[in-house]
Amino acid sequence: MVELINKGVKNIICMQPFACLPNHVTGKGMIKELKRVYPGTNIVAIDYDPGASEVNQLNRIKLMLSRAIDELKKGQTDSDAMHNGYGNARAAGGIS
């Protein structure tokens, strides 16, 4: 995941097959720390096993995509403000 983040990937789905202990320990165990070290990173772990609900899996993926779209829109809004000359005022707290 770190390699993906370093290459500019902000949204990662960490899929884990049934009984995959290495991914459970290394993948899921590192997600919280990766989000702390790399703010703005959107990582979600999805378990694929016989007992997992497909609806739950799809909802988690949709939630991750929704957050990604919101961040993209937010970035475009910030970019528009910078191009319109409001970037410095916003950074200084002059525009809310």
PDB file of N, CA and C in Angstrom:
ATOM      1  N   MET A   1       0.815  -1.195   0.000  1.00  0.00           N
ATOM      2  CA  MET A   1       0.000   0.000   0.000  1.00  0.00           C
ATOM      3  C   MET A   1       0.858   1.258   0.000  1.00  0.00           C
ATOM      4  N   VAL A   2       1.985   1.216   0.687  1.00  0.00           N
ATOM      5  CA  VAL A   2       2.855   2.392   0.738  1.00  0.00           C
ATOM      6  C   VAL A   2       3.361   2.729  -0.659  1.00  0.00           C
ATOM      7  N   GLU A   3       3.684   1.718  -1.436  1.00  0.00           N
ATOM      8  CA  GLU A   3       4.158   1.960  -2.798  1.00  0.00           C
ATOM      9  C   GLU A   3       3.082   2.669  -3.624  1.00  0.00           C
ATOM     10  N   LEU A   4       1.838   2.228  -3.483  1.00  0.00           N
ATOM     11  CA  LEU A   4       0.734   2.875  -4.196  1.00  0.00           C
ATOM     12  C   LEU A   4       0.582   4.329  -3.755  1.00  0.00           C
ATOM     13  N   ILE A   5       0.617   4.559  -2.448  1.00  0.00           N
ATOM     14  CA  ILE A   5       0.468   5.921  -1.916  1.00  0.00           C
ATOM     15  C   ILE A   5       1.592   6.814  -2.427  1.00  0.00           C
ATOM     16  N   ASN A   6       2.823   6.295  -2.420  1.00  0.00           N
ATOM     17  CA  ASN A   6       3.969   7.078  -2.896  1.00  0.00           C
ATOM     18  C   ASN A   6       3.881   7.389  -4.389  1.00  0.00           C
ATOM     19  N   LYS A   7       3.126   6.595  -5.132  1.00  0.00           N
ATOM     20  CA  LYS A   7       2.937   6.848  -6.560  1.00  0.00           C
ATOM     21  C   LYS A   7       1.738   7.752  -6.814  1.00  0.00           C
ATOM     22  N   GLY A   8       1.076   8.227  -5.737  1.00  0.00           N
ATOM     23  CA  GLY A   8      -0.012   9.180  -5.885  1.00  0.00           C
ATOM     24  C   GLY A   8      -1.409   8.593  -5.802  1.00  0.00           C
ATOM     25  N   VAL A   9      -1.516   7.306  -5.516  1.00  0.00           N
ATOM     26  CA  VAL A   9      -2.836   6.679  -5.383  1.00  0.00           C
ATOM     27  C   VAL A   9      -3.410   7.065  -4.025  1.00  0.00           C
ATOM     28  N   LYS A  10      -4.570   7.702  -4.022  1.00  0.00           N
ATOM     29  CA  LYS A  10      -5.194   8.157  -2.774  1.00  0.00           C
ATOM     30  C   LYS A  10      -6.289   7.219  -2.289  1.00  0.00           C
ATOM     31  N   ASN A  11      -6.816   6.373  -3.175  1.00  0.00           N
ATOM     32  CA  ASN A  11      -7.940   5.501  -2.831  1.00  0.00           C
ATOM     33  C   ASN A  11      -7.541   4.056  -3.064  1.00  0.00           C
ATOM     34  N   ILE A  12      -7.582   3.260  -1.989  1.00  0.00           N
ATOM     35  CA  ILE A  12      -7.119   1.874  -2.056  1.00  0.00           C
ATOM     36  C   ILE A  12      -8.159   0.958  -1.439  1.00  0.00           C
ATOM     37  N   ILE A  13      -8.489  -0.105  -2.154  1.00  0.00           N
ATOM     38  CA  ILE A  13      -9.326  -1.169  -1.590  1.00  0.00           C
ATOM     39  C   ILE A  13      -8.396  -2.334  -1.294  1.00  0.00           C
ATOM     40  N   CYS A  14      -8.329  -2.715  -0.045  1.00  0.00           N
ATOM     41  CA  CYS A  14      -7.511  -3.844   0.394  1.00  0.00           C
ATOM     42  C   CYS A  14      -8.430  -5.054   0.513  1.00  0.00           C
ATOM     43  N   MET A  15      -8.395  -5.931  -0.508  1.00  0.00           N
ATOM     44  CA  MET A  15      -9.276  -7.101  -0.516  1.00  0.00           C
ATOM     45  C   MET A  15      -8.571  -8.275   0.147  1.00  0.00           C
ATOM     46  N   GLN A  16      -9.314  -8.960   0.973  1.00  0.00           N
ATOM     47  CA  GLN A  16      -8.757 -10.076   1.738  1.00  0.00           C
ATOM     48  C   GLN A  16      -9.597 -11.322   1.532  1.00  0.00           C
ATOM     49  N   PRO A  17      -9.002 -12.384   0.973  1.00  0.00           N
ATOM     50  CA  PRO A  17      -9.760 -13.626   0.829  1.00  0.00           C
ATOM     51  C   PRO A  17      -9.943 -14.324   2.168  1.00  0.00           C
ATOM     52  N   PHE A  18     -10.848 -15.273   2.186  1.00  0.00           N
ATOM     53  CA  PHE A  18     -11.144 -16.037   3.391  1.00  0.00           C
ATOM     54  C   PHE A  18      -9.873 -16.652   3.965  1.00  0.00           C
ATOM     55  N   ALA A  19      -9.668 -16.473   5.252  1.00  0.00           N
ATOM     56  CA  ALA A  19      -8.565 -17.080   6.020  1.00  0.00           C
ATOM     57  C   ALA A  19      -7.184 -16.637   5.562  1.00  0.00           C
ATOM     58  N   CYS A  20      -7.051 -15.406   5.114  1.00  0.00           N
ATOM     59  CA  CYS A  20      -5.746 -14.894   4.689  1.00  0.00           C
ATOM     60  C   CYS A  20      -5.097 -14.182   5.874  1.00  0.00           C
ATOM     61  N   LEU A  21      -4.440 -14.940   6.700  1.00  0.00           N
ATOM     62  CA  LEU A  21      -3.839 -14.382   7.909  1.00  0.00           C
ATOM     63  C   LEU A  21      -2.757 -13.335   7.606  1.00  0.00           C
ATOM     64  N   PRO A  22      -1.873 -13.555   6.616  1.00  0.00           N
ATOM     65  CA  PRO A  22      -0.860 -12.523   6.351  1.00  0.00           C
ATOM     66  C   PRO A  22      -1.467 -11.156   6.017  1.00  0.00           C
ATOM     67  N   ASN A  23      -2.504 -11.129   5.201  1.00  0.00           N
ATOM     68  CA  ASN A  23      -3.114  -9.840   4.870  1.00  0.00           C
ATOM     69  C   ASN A  23      -3.862  -9.272   6.065  1.00  0.00           C
ATOM     70  N   HIS A  24      -4.473 -10.123   6.861  1.00  0.00           N
ATOM     71  CA  HIS A  24      -5.198  -9.637   8.036  1.00  0.00           C
ATOM     72  C   HIS A  24      -4.233  -8.916   8.980  1.00  0.00           C
ATOM     73  N   VAL A  25      -3.049  -9.467   9.156  1.00  0.00           N
ATOM     74  CA  VAL A  25      -2.074  -8.879  10.071  1.00  0.00           C
ATOM     75  C   VAL A  25      -1.393  -7.670   9.440  1.00  0.00           C
ATOM     76  N   THR A  26      -0.878  -7.829   8.215  1.00  0.00           N
ATOM     77  CA  THR A  26      -0.102  -6.737   7.618  1.00  0.00           C
ATOM     78  C   THR A  26      -0.981  -5.683   6.958  1.00  0.00           C
ATOM     79  N   GLY A  27      -2.024  -6.112   6.267  1.00  0.00           N
ATOM     80  CA  GLY A  27      -2.883  -5.162   5.569  1.00  0.00           C
ATOM     81  C   GLY A  27      -3.778  -4.394   6.510  1.00  0.00           C
ATOM     82  N   LYS A  28      -4.663  -5.099   7.175  1.00  0.00           N
ATOM     83  CA  LYS A  28      -5.618  -4.436   8.071  1.00  0.00           C
ATOM     84  C   LYS A  28      -4.919  -3.792   9.264  1.00  0.00           C
ATOM     85  N   GLY A  29      -3.866  -4.424   9.719  1.00  0.00           N
ATOM     86  CA  GLY A  29      -3.162  -3.899  10.886  1.00  0.00           C
ATOM     87  C   GLY A  29      -2.475  -2.566  10.629  1.00  0.00           C
ATOM     88  N   MET A  30      -2.180  -2.260   9.371  1.00  0.00           N
ATOM     89  CA  MET A  30      -1.449  -1.041   9.044  1.00  0.00           C
ATOM     90  C   MET A  30      -2.334   0.100   8.550  1.00  0.00           C
ATOM     91  N   ILE A  31      -3.596  -0.170   8.275  1.00  0.00           N
ATOM     92  CA  ILE A  31      -4.449   0.847   7.667  1.00  0.00           C
ATOM     93  C   ILE A  31      -4.550   2.112   8.519  1.00  0.00           C
ATOM     94  N   LYS A  32      -4.795   1.970   9.792  1.00  0.00           N
ATOM     95  CA  LYS A  32      -4.932   3.146  10.659  1.00  0.00           C
ATOM     96  C   LYS A  32      -3.650   3.979  10.676  1.00  0.00           C
ATOM     97  N   GLU A  33      -2.515   3.314  10.758  1.00  0.00           N
ATOM     98  CA  GLU A  33      -1.237   4.027  10.781  1.00  0.00           C
ATOM     99  C   GLU A  33      -0.954   4.690   9.430  1.00  0.00           C
ATOM    100  N   LEU A  34      -1.279   4.009   8.346  1.00  0.00           N
ATOM    101  CA  LEU A  34      -1.084   4.608   7.023  1.00  0.00           C
ATOM    102  C   LEU A  34      -1.931   5.861   6.853  1.00  0.00           C
ATOM    103  N   LYS A  35      -3.157   5.825   7.346  1.00  0.00           N
ATOM    104  CA  LYS A  35      -4.023   7.003   7.259  1.00  0.00           C
ATOM    105  C   LYS A  35      -3.472   8.146   8.101  1.00  0.00           C
ATOM    106  N   ARG A  36      -2.816   7.816   9.213  1.00  0.00           N
ATOM    107  CA  ARG A  36      -2.227   8.853  10.063  1.00  0.00           C
ATOM    108  C   ARG A  36      -0.988   9.464   9.400  1.00  0.00           C
ATOM    109  N   VAL A  37      -0.142   8.620   8.846  1.00  0.00           N
ATOM    110  CA  VAL A  37       1.101   9.081   8.237  1.00  0.00           C
ATOM    111  C   VAL A  37       0.851   9.784   6.899  1.00  0.00           C
ATOM    112  N   TYR A  38      -0.151   9.307   6.160  1.00  0.00           N
ATOM    113  CA  TYR A  38      -0.484   9.875   4.853  1.00  0.00           C
ATOM    114  C   TYR A  38      -1.903  10.434   4.890  1.00  0.00           C
ATOM    115  N   PRO A  39      -2.091  11.630   5.445  1.00  0.00           N
ATOM    116  CA  PRO A  39      -3.434  12.211   5.523  1.00  0.00           C
ATOM    117  C   PRO A  39      -4.054  12.350   4.133  1.00  0.00           C
ATOM    118  N   GLY A  40      -5.342  12.144   4.063  1.00  0.00           N
ATOM    119  CA  GLY A  40      -6.040  12.233   2.791  1.00  0.00           C
ATOM    120  C   GLY A  40      -6.107  10.922   2.041  1.00  0.00           C
ATOM    121  N   THR A  41      -5.444   9.898   2.583  1.00  0.00           N
ATOM    122  CA  THR A  41      -5.498   8.586   1.961  1.00  0.00           C
ATOM    123  C   THR A  41      -6.790   7.894   2.364  1.00  0.00           C
ATOM    124  N   ASN A  42      -7.468   7.334   1.399  1.00  0.00           N
ATOM    125  CA  ASN A  42      -8.761   6.678   1.601  1.00  0.00           C
ATOM    126  C   ASN A  42      -8.555   5.175   1.394  1.00  0.00           C
ATOM    127  N   ILE A  43      -8.477   4.419   2.485  1.00  0.00           N
ATOM    128  CA  ILE A  43      -8.223   2.978   2.417  1.00  0.00           C
ATOM    129  C   ILE A  43      -9.379   2.245   3.084  1.00  0.00           C
ATOM    130  N   VAL A  44      -9.868   1.206   2.417  1.00  0.00           N
ATOM    131  CA  VAL A  44     -10.920   0.388   3.001  1.00  0.00           C
ATOM    132  C   VAL A  44     -10.553  -1.084   2.819  1.00  0.00           C
ATOM    133  N   ALA A  45     -10.766  -1.864   3.858  1.00  0.00           N
ATOM    134  CA  ALA A  45     -10.512  -3.310   3.797  1.00  0.00           C
ATOM    135  C   ALA A  45     -11.835  -4.027   3.539  1.00  0.00           C
ATOM    136  N   ILE A  46     -11.833  -4.914   2.565  1.00  0.00           N
ATOM    137  CA  ILE A  46     -13.022  -5.682   2.212  1.00  0.00           C
ATOM    138  C   ILE A  46     -12.697  -7.162   2.348  1.00  0.00           C
ATOM    139  N   ASP A  47     -13.466  -7.859   3.173  1.00  0.00           N
ATOM    140  CA  ASP A  47     -13.282  -9.300   3.350  1.00  0.00           C
ATOM    141  C   ASP A  47     -14.163 -10.056   2.374  1.00  0.00           C
ATOM    142  N   TYR A  48     -13.546 -10.969   1.648  1.00  0.00           N
ATOM    143  CA  TYR A  48     -14.297 -11.843   0.742  1.00  0.00           C
ATOM    144  C   TYR A  48     -14.214 -13.255   1.280  1.00  0.00           C
ATOM    145  N   ASP A  49     -15.273 -13.683   1.896  1.00  0.00           N
ATOM    146  CA  ASP A  49     -15.343 -15.056   2.400  1.00  0.00           C
ATOM    147  C   ASP A  49     -16.782 -15.537   2.300  1.00  0.00           C
ATOM    148  N   PRO A  50     -16.999 -16.833   2.457  1.00  0.00           N
ATOM    149  CA  PRO A  50     -18.353 -17.368   2.292  1.00  0.00           C
ATOM    150  C   PRO A  50     -19.389 -16.734   3.223  1.00  0.00           C
ATOM    151  N   GLY A  51     -18.974 -16.239   4.373  1.00  0.00           N
ATOM    152  CA  GLY A  51     -19.920 -15.668   5.329  1.00  0.00           C
ATOM    153  C   GLY A  51     -20.157 -14.179   5.158  1.00  0.00           C
ATOM    154  N   ALA A  52     -19.395 -13.538   4.268  1.00  0.00           N
ATOM    155  CA  ALA A  52     -19.524 -12.088   4.091  1.00  0.00           C
ATOM    156  C   ALA A  52     -20.717 -11.772   3.191  1.00  0.00           C
ATOM    157  N   SER A  53     -21.458 -10.756   3.575  1.00  0.00           N
ATOM    158  CA  SER A  53     -22.619 -10.323   2.806  1.00  0.00           C
ATOM    159  C   SER A  53     -22.155  -9.497   1.604  1.00  0.00           C
ATOM    160  N   GLU A  54     -22.649  -9.858   0.414  1.00  0.00           N
ATOM    161  CA  GLU A  54     -22.301  -9.106  -0.787  1.00  0.00           C
ATOM    162  C   GLU A  54     -22.791  -7.661  -0.677  1.00  0.00           C
ATOM    163  N   VAL A  55     -23.957  -7.478  -0.084  1.00  0.00           N
ATOM    164  CA  VAL A  55     -24.503  -6.130   0.091  1.00  0.00           C
ATOM    165  C   VAL A  55     -23.574  -5.297   0.962  1.00  0.00           C
ATOM    166  N   ASN A  56     -23.070  -5.870   2.032  1.00  0.00           N
ATOM    167  CA  ASN A  56     -22.145  -5.165   2.916  1.00  0.00           C
ATOM    168  C   ASN A  56     -20.862  -4.803   2.167  1.00  0.00           C
ATOM    169  N   GLN A  57     -20.346  -5.737   1.385  1.00  0.00           N
ATOM    170  CA  GLN A  57     -19.127  -5.468   0.619  1.00  0.00           C
ATOM    171  C   GLN A  57     -19.348  -4.309  -0.353  1.00  0.00           C
ATOM    172  N   LEU A  58     -20.452  -4.365  -1.099  1.00  0.00           N
ATOM    173  CA  LEU A  58     -20.741  -3.316  -2.069  1.00  0.00           C
ATOM    174  C   LEU A  58     -20.981  -1.969  -1.397  1.00  0.00           C
ATOM    175  N   ASN A  59     -21.659  -1.968  -0.269  1.00  0.00           N
ATOM    176  CA  ASN A  59     -21.904  -0.715   0.456  1.00  0.00           C
ATOM    177  C   ASN A  59     -20.604  -0.097   0.941  1.00  0.00           C
ATOM    178  N   ARG A  60     -19.673  -0.909   1.400  1.00  0.00           N
ATOM    179  CA  ARG A  60     -18.391  -0.383   1.859  1.00  0.00           C
ATOM    180  C   ARG A  60     -17.592   0.207   0.697  1.00  0.00           C
ATOM    181  N   ILE A  61     -17.660  -0.461  -0.458  1.00  0.00           N
ATOM    182  CA  ILE A  61     -16.975   0.064  -1.641  1.00  0.00           C
ATOM    183  C   ILE A  61     -17.630   1.369  -2.099  1.00  0.00           C
ATOM    184  N   LYS A  62     -18.964   1.415  -2.103  1.00  0.00           N
ATOM    185  CA  LYS A  62     -19.674   2.636  -2.495  1.00  0.00           C
ATOM    186  C   LYS A  62     -19.365   3.787  -1.545  1.00  0.00           C
ATOM    187  N   LEU A  63     -19.268   3.501  -0.260  1.00  0.00           N
ATOM    188  CA  LEU A  63     -18.932   4.532   0.716  1.00  0.00           C
ATOM    189  C   LEU A  63     -17.528   5.075   0.452  1.00  0.00           C
ATOM    190  N   MET A  64     -16.586   4.186   0.145  1.00  0.00           N
ATOM    191  CA  MET A  64     -15.228   4.605  -0.161  1.00  0.00           C
ATOM    192  C   MET A  64     -15.224   5.477  -1.415  1.00  0.00           C
ATOM    193  N   LEU A  65     -15.967   5.079  -2.445  1.00  0.00           N
ATOM    194  CA  LEU A  65     -16.034   5.860  -3.676  1.00  0.00           C
ATOM    195  C   LEU A  65     -16.696   7.224  -3.437  1.00  0.00           C
ATOM    196  N   SER A  66     -17.710   7.258  -2.594  1.00  0.00           N
ATOM    197  CA  SER A  66     -18.383   8.510  -2.265  1.00  0.00           C
ATOM    198  C   SER A  66     -17.406   9.479  -1.609  1.00  0.00           C
ATOM    199  N   ARG A  67     -16.613   8.967  -0.694  1.00  0.00           N
ATOM    200  CA  ARG A  67     -15.618   9.812  -0.032  1.00  0.00           C
ATOM    201  C   ARG A  67     -14.576  10.301  -1.033  1.00  0.00           C
ATOM    202  N   ALA A  68     -14.179   9.422  -1.962  1.00  0.00           N
ATOM    203  CA  ALA A  68     -13.199   9.805  -2.976  1.00  0.00           C
ATOM    204  C   ALA A  68     -13.752  10.927  -3.855  1.00  0.00           C
ATOM    205  N   ILE A  69     -15.010  10.816  -4.242  1.00  0.00           N
ATOM    206  CA  ILE A  69     -15.641  11.847  -5.077  1.00  0.00           C
ATOM    207  C   ILE A  69     -15.743  13.163  -4.313  1.00  0.00           C
ATOM    208  N   ASP A  70     -16.119  13.096  -3.026  1.00  0.00           N
ATOM    209  CA  ASP A  70     -16.194  14.314  -2.209  1.00  0.00           C
ATOM    210  C   ASP A  70     -14.833  14.999  -2.119  1.00  0.00           C
ATOM    211  N   GLU A  71     -13.768  14.220  -1.935  1.00  0.00           N
ATOM    212  CA  GLU A  71     -12.420  14.794  -1.848  1.00  0.00           C
ATOM    213  C   GLU A  71     -12.003  15.395  -3.179  1.00  0.00           C
ATOM    214  N   LEU A  72     -12.387  14.746  -4.273  1.00  0.00           N
ATOM    215  CA  LEU A  72     -12.066  15.275  -5.599  1.00  0.00           C
ATOM    216  C   LEU A  72     -12.769  16.611  -5.822  1.00  0.00           C
ATOM    217  N   LYS A  73     -14.055  16.681  -5.468  1.00  0.00           N
ATOM    218  CA  LYS A  73     -14.798  17.933  -5.610  1.00  0.00           C
ATOM    219  C   LYS A  73     -14.205  19.022  -4.727  1.00  0.00           C
ATOM    220  N   LYS A  74     -13.832  18.659  -3.509  1.00  0.00           N
ATOM    221  CA  LYS A  74     -13.229  19.619  -2.586  1.00  0.00           C
ATOM    222  C   LYS A  74     -11.924  20.151  -3.164  1.00  0.00           C
ATOM    223  N   GLY A  75     -11.132  19.285  -3.756  1.00  0.00           N
ATOM    224  CA  GLY A  75      -9.876  19.703  -4.374  1.00  0.00           C
ATOM    225  C   GLY A  75     -10.100  20.628  -5.536  1.00  0.00           C
ATOM    226  N   GLN A  76     -11.141  20.388  -6.326  1.00  0.00           N
ATOM    227  CA  GLN A  76     -11.450  21.253  -7.454  1.00  0.00           C
ATOM    228  C   GLN A  76     -11.914  22.620  -6.962  1.00  0.00           C
ATOM    229  N   THR A  77     -12.699  22.644  -5.891  1.00  0.00           N
ATOM    230  CA  THR A  77     -13.171  23.911  -5.327  1.00  0.00           C
ATOM    231  C   THR A  77     -11.994  24.720  -4.797  1.00  0.00           C
ATOM    232  N   ASP A  78     -11.077  24.065  -4.098  1.00  0.00           N
ATOM    233  CA  ASP A  78      -9.893  24.760  -3.592  1.00  0.00           C
ATOM    234  C   ASP A  78      -9.045  25.277  -4.742  1.00  0.00           C
ATOM    235  N   SER A  79      -8.926  24.475  -5.808  1.00  0.00           N
ATOM    236  CA  SER A  79      -8.153  24.876  -6.974  1.00  0.00           C
ATOM    237  C   SER A  79      -8.793  26.086  -7.658  1.00  0.00           C
ATOM    238  N   ASP A  80     -10.123  26.085  -7.787  1.00  0.00           N
ATOM    239  CA  ASP A  80     -10.830  27.214  -8.382  1.00  0.00           C
ATOM    240  C   ASP A  80     -10.597  28.489  -7.573  1.00  0.00           C
ATOM    241  N   ALA A  81     -10.619  28.379  -6.261  1.00  0.00           N
ATOM    242  CA  ALA A  81     -10.399  29.543  -5.402  1.00  0.00           C
ATOM    243  C   ALA A  81      -8.992  30.098  -5.596  1.00  0.00           C
ATOM    244  N   MET A  82      -8.025  29.216  -5.752  1.00  0.00           N
ATOM    245  CA  MET A  82      -6.651  29.661  -5.965  1.00  0.00           C
ATOM    246  C   MET A  82      -6.539  30.405  -7.295  1.00  0.00           C
ATOM    247  N   HIS A  83      -7.201  29.884  -8.344  1.00  0.00           N
ATOM    248  CA  HIS A  83      -7.140  30.528  -9.656  1.00  0.00           C
ATOM    249  C   HIS A  83      -7.886  31.859  -9.658  1.00  0.00           C
ATOM    250  N   ASN A  84      -8.858  32.032  -8.792  1.00  0.00           N
ATOM    251  CA  ASN A  84      -9.633  33.269  -8.727  1.00  0.00           C
ATOM    252  C   ASN A  84      -9.007  34.292  -7.788  1.00  0.00           C
ATOM    253  N   GLY A  85      -7.862  33.955  -7.197  1.00  0.00           N
ATOM    254  CA  GLY A  85      -7.176  34.902  -6.331  1.00  0.00           C
ATOM    255  C   GLY A  85      -7.605  34.862  -4.885  1.00  0.00           C
ATOM    256  N   TYR A  86      -8.405  33.863  -4.494  1.00  0.00           N
ATOM    257  CA  TYR A  86      -8.858  33.780  -3.114  1.00  0.00           C
ATOM    258  C   TYR A  86      -8.014  32.845  -2.261  1.00  0.00           C
ATOM    259  N   GLY A  87      -7.029  32.223  -2.852  1.00  0.00           N
ATOM    260  CA  GLY A  87      -6.235  31.240  -2.130  1.00  0.00           C
ATOM    261  C   GLY A  87      -5.554  31.795  -0.897  1.00  0.00           C
ATOM    262  N   ASN A  88      -4.936  32.963  -1.003  1.00  0.00           N
ATOM    263  CA  ASN A  88      -4.231  33.537   0.137  1.00  0.00           C
ATOM    264  C   ASN A  88      -5.180  33.947   1.244  1.00  0.00           C
ATOM    265  N   ALA A  89      -6.345  34.496   0.887  1.00  0.00           N
ATOM    266  CA  ALA A  89      -7.318  34.922   1.894  1.00  0.00           C
ATOM    267  C   ALA A  89      -7.861  33.696   2.621  1.00  0.00           C
ATOM    268  N   ARG A  90      -8.115  32.629   1.863  1.00  0.00           N
ATOM    269  CA  ARG A  90      -8.638  31.407   2.497  1.00  0.00           C
ATOM    270  C   ARG A  90      -7.599  30.831   3.456  1.00  0.00           C
ATOM    271  N   ALA A  91      -6.329  30.785   3.008  1.00  0.00           N
ATOM    272  CA  ALA A  91      -5.280  30.227   3.850  1.00  0.00           C
ATOM    273  C   ALA A  91      -5.094  31.078   5.110  1.00  0.00           C
ATOM    274  N   ALA A  92      -5.306  32.382   4.993  1.00  0.00           N
ATOM    275  CA  ALA A  92      -5.131  33.268   6.135  1.00  0.00           C
ATOM    276  C   ALA A  92      -6.370  33.319   7.022  1.00  0.00           C
ATOM    277  N   GLY A  93      -7.415  32.650   6.622  1.00  0.00           N
ATOM    278  CA  GLY A  93      -8.628  32.633   7.435  1.00  0.00           C
ATOM    279  C   GLY A  93      -9.602  33.732   7.087  1.00  0.00           C
ATOM    280  N   GLY A  94      -9.351  34.438   5.982  1.00  0.00           N
ATOM    281  CA  GLY A  94     -10.219  35.547   5.609  1.00  0.00           C
ATOM    282  C   GLY A  94     -11.519  35.113   4.938  1.00  0.00           C
ATOM    283  N   ILE A  95     -11.530  33.914   4.375  1.00  0.00           N
ATOM    284  CA  ILE A  95     -12.741  33.411   3.712  1.00  0.00           C
ATOM    285  C   ILE A  95     -13.099  32.069   4.343  1.00  0.00           C
ATOM    286  N   SER A  96     -14.372  31.909   4.682  1.00  0.00           N
ATOM    287  CA  SER A  96     -14.771  30.630   5.273  1.00  0.00           C
ATOM    288  C   SER A  96     -15.585  29.835   4.288  1.00  0.00           C
TER     289      SER A  96
END
